[in-house]
C-alpha atoms as a PDB file:
ATOM      1  CA  UNK A   1      21.681  -3.976 -24.396  1.00  0.00           C
ATOM      2  CA  UNK A   2      20.778  -0.688 -22.779  1.00  0.00           C
ATOM      3  CA  UNK A   3      21.435  -0.195 -19.083  1.00  0.00           C
ATOM      4  CA  UNK A   4      19.299   2.027 -16.892  1.00  0.00           C
ATOM      5  CA  UNK A   5      20.741   4.022 -14.001  1.00  0.00           C
ATOM      6  CA  UNK A   6      19.199   5.945 -11.119  1.00  0.00           C
ATOM      7  CA  UNK A   7      18.737   9.071 -13.195  1.00  0.00           C
ATOM      8  CA  UNK A   8      16.801   7.128 -15.885  1.00  0.00           C
ATOM      9  CA  UNK A   9      14.437   5.647 -13.339  1.00  0.00           C
ATOM     10  CA  UNK A  10      13.738   8.994 -11.721  1.00  0.00           C
ATOM     11  CA  UNK A  11      12.703  10.475 -15.128  1.00  0.00           C
ATOM     12  CA  UNK A  12       9.929   7.880 -15.687  1.00  0.00           C
ATOM     13  CA  UNK A  13       6.434   8.857 -14.763  1.00  0.00           C
ATOM     14  CA  UNK A  14       5.420   5.349 -13.605  1.00  0.00           C
ATOM     15  CA  UNK A  15       4.601   5.252  -9.896  1.00  0.00           C
ATOM     16  CA  UNK A  16       3.982   1.603  -8.969  1.00  0.00           C
ATOM     17  CA  UNK A  17       3.101   2.446  -5.358  1.00  0.00           C
ATOM     18  CA  UNK A  18       0.315   4.904  -6.214  1.00  0.00           C
ATOM     19  CA  UNK A  19      -1.043   2.590  -8.918  1.00  0.00           C
ATOM     20  CA  UNK A  20      -1.231  -0.336  -6.465  1.00  0.00           C
ATOM     21  CA  UNK A  21      -2.818   1.730  -3.766  1.00  0.00           C
ATOM     22  CA  UNK A  22      -5.330   3.424  -6.116  1.00  0.00           C
ATOM     23  CA  UNK A  23      -6.359   0.040  -7.636  1.00  0.00           C
ATOM     24  CA  UNK A  24      -7.181  -1.338  -4.207  1.00  0.00           C
ATOM     25  CA  UNK A  25      -8.819   1.846  -3.024  1.00  0.00           C
ATOM     26  CA  UNK A  26     -11.132   1.868  -6.063  1.00  0.00           C
ATOM     27  CA  UNK A  27     -11.897  -1.903  -5.845  1.00  0.00           C
ATOM     28  CA  UNK A  28     -12.371  -1.881  -2.060  1.00  0.00           C
ATOM     29  CA  UNK A  29     -10.289  -4.974  -1.637  1.00  0.00           C
ATOM     30  CA  UNK A  30      -8.968  -5.673   1.853  1.00  0.00           C
ATOM     31  CA  UNK A  31      -5.183  -5.482   2.286  1.00  0.00           C
ATOM     32  CA  UNK A  32      -2.797  -6.786   4.870  1.00  0.00           C
ATOM     33  CA  UNK A  33      -0.169  -4.223   5.712  1.00  0.00           C
ATOM     34  CA  UNK A  34       3.051  -5.658   7.208  1.00  0.00           C
ATOM     35  CA  UNK A  35       4.846  -3.102   9.356  1.00  0.00           C
ATOM     36  CA  UNK A  36       8.557  -2.799   9.927  1.00  0.00           C
ATOM     37  CA  UNK A  37       8.001  -3.881  13.533  1.00  0.00           C
ATOM     38  CA  UNK A  38       6.607  -7.226  12.381  1.00  0.00           C
ATOM     39  CA  UNK A  39       3.029  -6.357  13.285  1.00  0.00           C
ATOM     40  CA  UNK A  40       0.312  -6.791  10.582  1.00  0.00           C
ATOM     41  CA  UNK A  41      -2.791  -4.671  10.031  1.00  0.00           C
ATOM     42  CA  UNK A  42      -5.718  -5.603   7.798  1.00  0.00           C
ATOM     43  CA  UNK A  43      -8.379  -3.395   6.331  1.00  0.00           C
ATOM     44  CA  UNK A  44      -9.566  -1.428   3.306  1.00  0.00           C
ATOM     45  CA  UNK A  45      -7.765   1.689   2.134  1.00  0.00           C
ATOM     46  CA  UNK A  46      -9.896   4.764   2.698  1.00  0.00           C
ATOM     47  CA  UNK A  47      -7.348   7.330   1.384  1.00  0.00           C
ATOM     48  CA  UNK A  48      -3.643   7.858   0.947  1.00  0.00           C
ATOM     49  CA  UNK A  49      -1.108  10.557   0.117  1.00  0.00           C
ATOM     50  CA  UNK A  50       2.634  10.858  -0.239  1.00  0.00           C
ATOM     51  CA  UNK A  51       3.372  10.074   3.392  1.00  0.00           C
ATOM     52  CA  UNK A  52       0.532   8.034   4.847  1.00  0.00           C
ATOM     53  CA  UNK A  53      -2.468   5.791   4.227  1.00  0.00           C
ATOM     54  CA  UNK A  54      -5.676   5.377   6.137  1.00  0.00           C
ATOM     55  CA  UNK A  55      -6.995   1.860   6.681  1.00  0.00           C
ATOM     56  CA  UNK A  56     -10.510   1.034   7.834  1.00  0.00           C
ATOM     57  CA  UNK A  57     -10.356  -2.201   9.817  1.00  0.00           C
ATOM     58  CA  UNK A  58     -14.092  -2.416  10.427  1.00  0.00           C
ATOM     59  CA  UNK A  59     -13.940  -0.954  13.898  1.00  0.00           C
ATOM     60  CA  UNK A  60     -12.356   2.391  12.969  1.00  0.00           C
ATOM     61  CA  UNK A  61      -9.718   4.089  10.860  1.00  0.00           C
ATOM     62  CA  UNK A  62      -5.985   3.612  11.362  1.00  0.00           C
ATOM     63  CA  UNK A  63      -3.440   6.171  10.094  1.00  0.00           C
ATOM     64  CA  UNK A  64      -0.287   4.381   8.920  1.00  0.00           C
ATOM     65  CA  UNK A  65       2.872   6.265   7.920  1.00  0.00           C
ATOM     66  CA  UNK A  66       4.362   4.799   4.767  1.00  0.00           C
ATOM     67  CA  UNK A  67       7.874   4.754   6.165  1.00  0.00           C
ATOM     68  CA  UNK A  68       6.606   2.195   8.696  1.00  0.00           C
ATOM     69  CA  UNK A  69       5.283  -0.152   5.973  1.00  0.00           C
ATOM     70  CA  UNK A  70       7.358  -3.195   4.940  1.00  0.00           C
ATOM     71  CA  UNK A  71       4.786  -4.994   2.731  1.00  0.00           C
ATOM     72  CA  UNK A  72       1.352  -4.708   1.228  1.00  0.00           C
ATOM     73  CA  UNK A  73      -0.662  -7.711   0.071  1.00  0.00           C
ATOM     74  CA  UNK A  74      -4.266  -8.661  -0.579  1.00  0.00           C
ATOM     75  CA  UNK A  75      -5.811  -9.980   2.619  1.00  0.00           C
ATOM     76  CA  UNK A  76      -6.526 -13.688   2.790  1.00  0.00           C
ATOM     77  CA  UNK A  77     -10.128 -14.547   1.894  1.00  0.00           C
ATOM     78  CA  UNK A  78     -12.447 -15.176   4.837  1.00  0.00           C
ATOM     79  CA  UNK A  79     -14.540 -17.608   2.726  1.00  0.00           C
ATOM     80  CA  UNK A  80     -12.760 -20.616   4.022  1.00  0.00           C
END
């Protein structure tokens, strides 16, 4: 059984975070962003970079710094 350490993980080119964000940006699916403070924001990703993401909540754009994000999940459907 082969064990992987920190150095092995750093060498891989897989970036789960960017893949997840890009998938939802492209699809336009609404996300719920849980912040470290406990507050939640919902909206569609408009753009993102290494440090931040921009959510459109329907009434405007919100800049969210990634270090403030605790969780990302697909928003609950409004279809009842």
